[in-house]
Each structure stands twice: as C-alpha cells, then as structure tokens.
Amino acid sequence: MGDEEIIGVAKLLAEDGSWLKAVEARCVDYIDAPWRRRKHIGHRHWRLDTGEALRPLGTDLFEISATGEILERV
C-alpha cells in the first residue's frame, strides 16, 4: 500500500492519568486504469500520534501493543 488516510481521532486516558491522542488510519493505494483512477482501500489500524501501535479491546479500550498498557477513550 502506498499512502495512509486518517479516518478518526480519539482522546485517550492513560493509567497514570495523562492524556494521549489516538489516530485511526487506513492504507490506500491508487491504481491507474485506462478509463479512470481507482482507489484501493487496505486495512484499518489504530496508533498513538507518536506512532506506537494500538490494539482495540472493545468500544472504548485500547492496549499499547509494545507495553501492554491499557488506555480508555473519553
């Protein structure tokens, strides 16, 4: 996949009381066909705005993949 498209942003509360910003993004690629340019949408994923990967644990909970810390959407 070539590019990334931001499709959502969330404010998260860490276990230590600090605030973090999460970004939901999806991979996109463009394919040039003879009659038009087509947009191919790839997988969606969550990450912190610092780049650390997040794993959704339901509607309002996320886990930082590298550390296991649980974050709550507010």
C-alpha atoms as a PDB file:
ATOM      1  CA  MET A   1       0.000   0.000   0.000  1.00  0.00           C
ATOM      2  CA  GLY A   2       1.211   3.440  -0.804  1.00  0.00           C
ATOM      3  CA  ASP A   3      -0.424   6.121   1.329  1.00  0.00           C
ATOM      4  CA  GLU A   4      -2.276   6.421   4.594  1.00  0.00           C
ATOM      5  CA  GLU A   5      -5.572   8.198   5.189  1.00  0.00           C
ATOM      6  CA  ILE A   6      -6.650   9.461   8.626  1.00  0.00           C
ATOM      7  CA  ILE A   7     -10.264   8.446   9.302  1.00  0.00           C
ATOM      8  CA  GLY A   8     -10.642   9.118  13.018  1.00  0.00           C
ATOM      9  CA  VAL A   9      -9.085  10.689  16.112  1.00  0.00           C
ATOM     10  CA  ALA A  10      -9.733   9.882  19.776  1.00  0.00           C
ATOM     11  CA  LYS A  11      -8.606  11.295  23.115  1.00  0.00           C
ATOM     12  CA  LEU A  12      -7.361   8.577  25.474  1.00  0.00           C
ATOM     13  CA  LEU A  13      -6.720   8.495  29.212  1.00  0.00           C
ATOM     14  CA  ALA A  14      -3.630   6.539  30.312  1.00  0.00           C
ATOM     15  CA  GLU A  15      -3.316   4.546  33.542  1.00  0.00           C
ATOM     16  CA  ASP A  16      -1.154   7.311  35.053  1.00  0.00           C
ATOM     17  CA  GLY A  17      -3.799   9.985  34.343  1.00  0.00           C
ATOM     18  CA  SER A  18      -2.073  11.528  31.323  1.00  0.00           C
ATOM     19  CA  TRP A  19      -3.896  12.298  28.075  1.00  0.00           C
ATOM     20  CA  LEU A  20      -2.900  10.770  24.746  1.00  0.00           C
ATOM     21  CA  LYS A  21      -4.148  11.206  21.195  1.00  0.00           C
ATOM     22  CA  ALA A  22      -5.018   8.156  19.092  1.00  0.00           C
ATOM     23  CA  VAL A  23      -5.358   8.139  15.320  1.00  0.00           C
ATOM     24  CA  GLU A  24      -7.358   5.657  13.256  1.00  0.00           C
ATOM     25  CA  ALA A  25      -5.945   5.302   9.774  1.00  0.00           C
ATOM     26  CA  ARG A  26      -6.285   3.093   6.725  1.00  0.00           C
ATOM     27  CA  CYS A  27      -3.888   2.257   3.946  1.00  0.00           C
ATOM     28  CA  VAL A  28      -4.858   3.412   0.467  1.00  0.00           C
ATOM     29  CA  ASP A  29      -3.343   2.919  -2.933  1.00  0.00           C
ATOM     30  CA  TYR A  30      -4.313   4.313  -6.297  1.00  0.00           C
ATOM     31  CA  ILE A  31      -4.465   2.169  -9.413  1.00  0.00           C
ATOM     32  CA  ASP A  32      -4.450   3.843 -12.810  1.00  0.00           C
ATOM     33  CA  ALA A  33      -6.826   2.075 -15.178  1.00  0.00           C
ATOM     34  CA  PRO A  34      -7.344   3.127 -18.797  1.00  0.00           C
ATOM     35  CA  TRP A  35     -10.753   4.653 -18.046  1.00  0.00           C
ATOM     36  CA  ARG A  36     -10.188   6.115 -14.563  1.00  0.00           C
ATOM     37  CA  ARG A  37      -8.041   6.155 -11.450  1.00  0.00           C
ATOM     38  CA  ARG A  38      -9.256   3.713  -8.799  1.00  0.00           C
ATOM     39  CA  LYS A  39      -8.761   3.941  -5.060  1.00  0.00           C
ATOM     40  CA  HIS A  40      -7.891   0.648  -3.343  1.00  0.00           C
ATOM     41  CA  ILE A  41      -8.606   0.693   0.409  1.00  0.00           C
ATOM     42  CA  GLY A  42      -6.495  -1.529   2.638  1.00  0.00           C
ATOM     43  CA  HIS A  43      -6.525  -2.428   6.320  1.00  0.00           C
ATOM     44  CA  ARG A  44      -7.505  -0.090   9.157  1.00  0.00           C
ATOM     45  CA  HIS A  45      -5.416   0.358  12.263  1.00  0.00           C
ATOM     46  CA  TRP A  46      -5.085   2.487  15.392  1.00  0.00           C
ATOM     47  CA  ARG A  47      -1.907   4.152  16.640  1.00  0.00           C
ATOM     48  CA  LEU A  48      -0.885   6.901  19.013  1.00  0.00           C
ATOM     49  CA  ASP A  49       0.012  10.205  17.392  1.00  0.00           C
ATOM     50  CA  THR A  50       3.600   9.343  18.420  1.00  0.00           C
ATOM     51  CA  GLY A  51       3.463   6.281  16.139  1.00  0.00           C
ATOM     52  CA  GLU A  52       3.083   3.479  18.714  1.00  0.00           C
ATOM     53  CA  ALA A  53       0.658   0.737  17.617  1.00  0.00           C
ATOM     54  CA  LEU A  54      -2.625   0.292  19.498  1.00  0.00           C
ATOM     55  CA  ARG A  55      -4.856  -2.741  19.715  1.00  0.00           C
ATOM     56  CA  PRO A  56      -8.595  -2.094  20.218  1.00  0.00           C
ATOM     57  CA  LEU A  57     -10.070  -4.064  23.137  1.00  0.00           C
ATOM     58  CA  GLY A  58     -13.696  -3.148  22.539  1.00  0.00           C
ATOM     59  CA  THR A  59     -15.504   0.129  22.051  1.00  0.00           C
ATOM     60  CA  ASP A  60     -13.623   2.355  24.479  1.00  0.00           C
ATOM     61  CA  LEU A  61     -10.443   0.472  25.490  1.00  0.00           C
ATOM     62  CA  PHE A  62      -7.095   0.204  23.743  1.00  0.00           C
ATOM     63  CA  GLU A  63      -3.832  -1.531  24.553  1.00  0.00           C
ATOM     64  CA  ILE A  64      -0.413  -0.185  23.615  1.00  0.00           C
ATOM     65  CA  SER A  65       0.995  -3.184  21.746  1.00  0.00           C
ATOM     66  CA  ALA A  66       4.584  -2.708  22.890  1.00  0.00           C
ATOM     67  CA  THR A  67       3.933  -2.207  26.615  1.00  0.00           C
ATOM     68  CA  GLY A  68       0.527  -3.728  27.348  1.00  0.00           C
ATOM     69  CA  GLU A  69      -0.692  -0.505  28.985  1.00  0.00           C
ATOM     70  CA  ILE A  70      -4.476  -0.075  28.837  1.00  0.00           C
ATOM     71  CA  LEU A  71      -5.917   3.244  27.636  1.00  0.00           C
ATOM     72  CA  GLU A  72      -9.522   4.416  27.855  1.00  0.00           C
ATOM     73  CA  ARG A  73     -11.334   6.575  25.294  1.00  0.00           C
ATOM     74  CA  VAL A  74     -13.024   9.612  26.833  1.00  0.00           C
END
